[in-house]
Amino acid sequence: MAAKRTYEHRHMITRTVATTTATVMYFDGETGELKKAEVSMLGKINEDAFMKKAYSKIKGVDIKVCQVSELKTTERLYGVTLEDFLSVAQEIK
C-alpha cells in the first residue's frame, strides 16, 4: 500500500516562479581586474536585458559588464497551504 501524501487533502496555493541565472564577466574599475560572478534574477530574462540589470546585482561602484554566458532559466513550482497563506496574507481592497 502506497503512503499517502500529507498535502493531498489540503488546499494549496501554488505559483510557478522562473529564475534566470548566468555567469557575468565584468571589469572592476577599483581593482583593475577582470572578474566573474554568478548572478540570479527572478523572471525569464534574455541576454541583453540580463546584461543591463547585472549592474545592480554585482557589488561595486565602478564596474563594466563585459559578457554574459551560461544563461539558464529554470522554473519551479512553489506551494503553501491555504491556512499558512491566510496567516501571512494581507487583504487587498
N, C-alpha and C. Protein backbone atom coordinates (compact mmCIF):
# COMPACT_ATOMS: atom_id res chain seq x y z
N MET A 1 0.85 -1.18 0.00
CA MET A 1 0.00 0.00 0.00
C MET A 1 0.89 1.24 0.00
N ALA A 2 0.61 2.16 -0.88
CA ALA A 2 1.42 3.38 -1.01
C ALA A 2 1.09 4.34 0.14
N ALA A 3 2.11 5.03 0.59
CA ALA A 3 1.91 6.02 1.65
C ALA A 3 1.16 7.22 1.11
N LYS A 4 0.25 7.75 1.91
CA LYS A 4 -0.49 8.93 1.49
C LYS A 4 0.37 10.17 1.65
N ARG A 5 0.24 11.06 0.71
CA ARG A 5 0.95 12.33 0.81
C ARG A 5 0.15 13.25 1.71
N THR A 6 0.84 13.99 2.54
CA THR A 6 0.15 14.82 3.52
C THR A 6 -0.57 16.00 2.89
N TYR A 7 -0.18 16.42 1.71
CA TYR A 7 -0.80 17.60 1.12
C TYR A 7 -1.99 17.27 0.23
N GLU A 8 -2.29 16.01 0.01
CA GLU A 8 -3.35 15.63 -0.91
C GLU A 8 -4.71 16.18 -0.50
N HIS A 9 -5.00 16.23 0.77
CA HIS A 9 -6.31 16.64 1.23
C HIS A 9 -6.34 18.09 1.68
N ARG A 10 -5.28 18.81 1.47
CA ARG A 10 -5.22 20.21 1.85
C ARG A 10 -5.30 21.08 0.60
N HIS A 11 -5.94 22.22 0.76
CA HIS A 11 -5.98 23.17 -0.34
C HIS A 11 -4.64 23.90 -0.37
N MET A 12 -4.05 23.96 -1.55
CA MET A 12 -2.75 24.60 -1.70
C MET A 12 -2.87 25.78 -2.66
N ILE A 13 -2.14 26.82 -2.36
CA ILE A 13 -1.99 27.93 -3.29
C ILE A 13 -0.60 27.75 -3.89
N THR A 14 -0.55 27.70 -5.22
CA THR A 14 0.72 27.41 -5.89
C THR A 14 1.11 28.54 -6.83
N ARG A 15 2.38 28.58 -7.10
CA ARG A 15 2.91 29.60 -8.02
C ARG A 15 4.15 29.02 -8.68
N THR A 16 4.23 29.12 -10.00
CA THR A 16 5.43 28.74 -10.73
C THR A 16 6.31 29.98 -10.85
N VAL A 17 7.55 29.86 -10.40
CA VAL A 17 8.47 31.00 -10.38
C VAL A 17 9.66 30.68 -11.28
N ALA A 18 9.93 31.58 -12.23
CA ALA A 18 11.07 31.43 -13.12
C ALA A 18 12.25 32.21 -12.54
N THR A 19 13.42 31.62 -12.61
CA THR A 19 14.66 32.27 -12.18
C THR A 19 15.68 32.11 -13.30
N THR A 20 16.33 33.22 -13.67
CA THR A 20 17.37 33.18 -14.70
C THR A 20 18.71 33.38 -14.02
N THR A 21 19.64 32.50 -14.32
CA THR A 21 20.98 32.54 -13.75
C THR A 21 22.00 32.59 -14.88
N ALA A 22 23.07 33.34 -14.68
CA ALA A 22 24.13 33.44 -15.69
C ALA A 22 25.45 33.75 -15.02
N THR A 23 26.52 33.46 -15.75
CA THR A 23 27.85 33.88 -15.34
C THR A 23 28.12 35.22 -16.01
N VAL A 24 28.47 36.21 -15.20
CA VAL A 24 28.71 37.56 -15.71
C VAL A 24 30.19 37.89 -15.56
N MET A 25 30.83 38.26 -16.68
CA MET A 25 32.21 38.71 -16.64
C MET A 25 32.17 40.24 -16.62
N TYR A 26 32.91 40.83 -15.68
CA TYR A 26 32.88 42.29 -15.57
C TYR A 26 34.26 42.82 -15.21
N PHE A 27 34.47 44.08 -15.55
CA PHE A 27 35.72 44.75 -15.22
C PHE A 27 35.48 45.58 -13.97
N ASP A 28 36.29 45.33 -12.95
CA ASP A 28 36.21 46.07 -11.68
C ASP A 28 37.16 47.26 -11.78
N GLY A 29 36.60 48.45 -11.91
CA GLY A 29 37.40 49.66 -12.07
C GLY A 29 38.20 50.02 -10.84
N GLU A 30 37.78 49.58 -9.67
CA GLU A 30 38.50 49.88 -8.43
C GLU A 30 39.79 49.08 -8.33
N THR A 31 39.74 47.80 -8.77
CA THR A 31 40.93 46.95 -8.66
C THR A 31 41.66 46.79 -9.98
N GLY A 32 41.00 47.14 -11.08
CA GLY A 32 41.61 46.98 -12.40
C GLY A 32 41.63 45.54 -12.86
N GLU A 33 40.77 44.68 -12.28
CA GLU A 33 40.77 43.26 -12.60
C GLU A 33 39.50 42.87 -13.35
N LEU A 34 39.63 41.85 -14.18
CA LEU A 34 38.51 41.22 -14.84
C LEU A 34 38.02 40.11 -13.92
N LYS A 35 36.74 40.12 -13.58
CA LYS A 35 36.20 39.15 -12.62
C LYS A 35 34.96 38.48 -13.18
N LYS A 36 34.57 37.36 -12.55
CA LYS A 36 33.36 36.65 -12.91
C LYS A 36 32.50 36.49 -11.66
N ALA A 37 31.20 36.53 -11.86
CA ALA A 37 30.26 36.29 -10.77
C ALA A 37 29.04 35.57 -11.31
N GLU A 38 28.48 34.68 -10.51
CA GLU A 38 27.23 34.05 -10.88
C GLU A 38 26.11 34.93 -10.33
N VAL A 39 25.18 35.30 -11.20
CA VAL A 39 24.11 36.22 -10.84
C VAL A 39 22.77 35.56 -11.14
N SER A 40 21.83 35.68 -10.21
CA SER A 40 20.47 35.16 -10.40
C SER A 40 19.47 36.29 -10.30
N MET A 41 18.44 36.21 -11.15
CA MET A 41 17.37 37.20 -11.15
C MET A 41 16.04 36.49 -11.35
N LEU A 42 15.00 37.02 -10.74
CA LEU A 42 13.68 36.44 -10.91
C LEU A 42 13.13 36.78 -12.28
N GLY A 43 12.47 35.81 -12.90
CA GLY A 43 11.83 36.00 -14.19
C GLY A 43 12.63 35.40 -15.33
N LYS A 44 11.98 35.37 -16.49
CA LYS A 44 12.64 34.92 -17.72
C LYS A 44 13.26 36.16 -18.36
N ILE A 45 14.57 36.20 -18.42
CA ILE A 45 15.27 37.40 -18.88
C ILE A 45 16.22 37.01 -20.01
N ASN A 46 16.17 37.76 -21.12
CA ASN A 46 17.07 37.47 -22.23
C ASN A 46 18.47 38.05 -21.94
N GLU A 47 19.42 37.72 -22.77
CA GLU A 47 20.81 38.08 -22.53
C GLU A 47 21.04 39.60 -22.47
N ASP A 48 20.42 40.35 -23.39
CA ASP A 48 20.61 41.80 -23.40
C ASP A 48 20.07 42.45 -22.13
N ALA A 49 18.86 42.06 -21.74
CA ALA A 49 18.25 42.61 -20.52
C ALA A 49 19.04 42.18 -19.29
N PHE A 50 19.55 40.95 -19.30
CA PHE A 50 20.32 40.45 -18.17
C PHE A 50 21.58 41.30 -18.00
N MET A 51 22.23 41.61 -19.11
CA MET A 51 23.46 42.40 -19.05
C MET A 51 23.18 43.77 -18.43
N LYS A 52 22.07 44.40 -18.82
CA LYS A 52 21.73 45.72 -18.28
C LYS A 52 21.41 45.67 -16.80
N LYS A 53 20.69 44.63 -16.38
CA LYS A 53 20.28 44.52 -14.98
C LYS A 53 21.39 44.01 -14.06
N ALA A 54 22.44 43.43 -14.62
CA ALA A 54 23.51 42.86 -13.82
C ALA A 54 24.25 43.90 -12.99
N TYR A 55 24.26 45.14 -13.43
CA TYR A 55 24.96 46.20 -12.70
C TYR A 55 24.46 46.31 -11.26
N SER A 56 23.15 46.22 -11.08
CA SER A 56 22.58 46.38 -9.74
C SER A 56 22.77 45.14 -8.87
N LYS A 57 23.11 44.02 -9.46
CA LYS A 57 23.26 42.78 -8.72
C LYS A 57 24.70 42.51 -8.27
N ILE A 58 25.66 43.19 -8.89
CA ILE A 58 27.07 42.99 -8.55
C ILE A 58 27.51 44.12 -7.65
N LYS A 59 28.09 43.78 -6.52
CA LYS A 59 28.54 44.79 -5.57
C LYS A 59 29.75 45.53 -6.14
N GLY A 60 29.71 46.82 -6.04
CA GLY A 60 30.82 47.63 -6.55
C GLY A 60 30.29 48.85 -7.26
N VAL A 61 30.96 49.94 -7.11
CA VAL A 61 30.52 51.20 -7.69
C VAL A 61 31.00 51.35 -9.12
N ASP A 62 32.23 50.98 -9.39
CA ASP A 62 32.84 51.22 -10.68
C ASP A 62 33.06 49.90 -11.42
N ILE A 63 31.99 49.39 -12.06
CA ILE A 63 32.13 48.14 -12.81
C ILE A 63 31.63 48.34 -14.23
N LYS A 64 32.10 47.49 -15.12
CA LYS A 64 31.67 47.48 -16.51
C LYS A 64 31.41 46.03 -16.88
N VAL A 65 30.14 45.69 -17.13
CA VAL A 65 29.79 44.33 -17.51
C VAL A 65 30.26 44.09 -18.94
N CYS A 66 31.04 43.03 -19.13
CA CYS A 66 31.63 42.73 -20.43
C CYS A 66 30.90 41.62 -21.17
N GLN A 67 30.47 40.59 -20.44
CA GLN A 67 29.91 39.42 -21.11
C GLN A 67 28.98 38.67 -20.16
N VAL A 68 27.91 38.13 -20.74
CA VAL A 68 27.00 37.24 -20.02
C VAL A 68 27.07 35.89 -20.71
N SER A 69 27.33 34.83 -19.94
CA SER A 69 27.40 33.49 -20.53
C SER A 69 26.66 32.50 -19.64
N GLU A 70 26.44 31.33 -20.17
CA GLU A 70 25.78 30.25 -19.45
C GLU A 70 24.41 30.68 -18.91
N LEU A 71 23.67 31.44 -19.72
CA LEU A 71 22.34 31.91 -19.34
C LEU A 71 21.39 30.72 -19.27
N LYS A 72 20.72 30.56 -18.14
CA LYS A 72 19.83 29.42 -17.94
C LYS A 72 18.61 29.86 -17.13
N THR A 73 17.43 29.51 -17.63
CA THR A 73 16.20 29.81 -16.90
C THR A 73 15.60 28.51 -16.40
N THR A 74 15.25 28.50 -15.13
CA THR A 74 14.59 27.33 -14.54
C THR A 74 13.26 27.78 -13.97
N GLU A 75 12.31 26.86 -13.98
CA GLU A 75 11.01 27.12 -13.39
C GLU A 75 10.77 26.10 -12.29
N ARG A 76 10.29 26.60 -11.15
CA ARG A 76 9.99 25.72 -10.03
C ARG A 76 8.59 26.04 -9.52
N LEU A 77 7.91 25.01 -9.08
CA LEU A 77 6.58 25.16 -8.54
C LEU A 77 6.68 25.24 -7.02
N TYR A 78 6.15 26.31 -6.47
CA TYR A 78 6.13 26.50 -5.02
C TYR A 78 4.70 26.45 -4.54
N GLY A 79 4.49 26.02 -3.31
CA GLY A 79 3.14 25.95 -2.78
C GLY A 79 3.11 26.22 -1.29
N VAL A 80 1.96 26.65 -0.86
CA VAL A 80 1.74 26.92 0.56
C VAL A 80 0.30 26.52 0.86
N THR A 81 0.08 25.98 2.03
CA THR A 81 -1.28 25.61 2.39
C THR A 81 -2.12 26.87 2.52
N LEU A 82 -3.41 26.71 2.31
CA LEU A 82 -4.32 27.84 2.42
C LEU A 82 -4.26 28.45 3.82
N GLU A 83 -4.13 27.61 4.82
CA GLU A 83 -4.05 28.10 6.21
C GLU A 83 -2.81 28.97 6.42
N ASP A 84 -1.65 28.51 5.92
CA ASP A 84 -0.42 29.29 6.06
C ASP A 84 -0.50 30.59 5.26
N PHE A 85 -1.08 30.51 4.07
CA PHE A 85 -1.22 31.71 3.25
C PHE A 85 -2.06 32.76 3.97
N LEU A 86 -3.19 32.35 4.51
CA LEU A 86 -4.07 33.30 5.19
C LEU A 86 -3.44 33.87 6.46
N SER A 87 -2.50 33.13 7.06
CA SER A 87 -1.87 33.63 8.29
C SER A 87 -0.88 34.76 8.00
N VAL A 88 -0.39 34.87 6.76
CA VAL A 88 0.57 35.93 6.44
C VAL A 88 0.08 36.91 5.39
N ALA A 89 -1.01 36.60 4.71
CA ALA A 89 -1.51 37.44 3.63
C ALA A 89 -2.20 38.68 4.16
N GLN A 90 -2.17 39.72 3.34
CA GLN A 90 -2.89 40.95 3.65
C GLN A 90 -4.00 41.12 2.64
N GLU A 91 -5.17 41.52 3.12
CA GLU A 91 -6.30 41.72 2.23
C GLU A 91 -6.06 42.94 1.36
N ILE A 92 -6.33 42.79 0.08
CA ILE A 92 -6.18 43.89 -0.87
C ILE A 92 -7.56 44.46 -1.15
N LYS A 93 -7.73 45.73 -0.91
CA LYS A 93 -9.04 46.36 -1.10
C LYS A 93 -9.04 47.25 -2.30
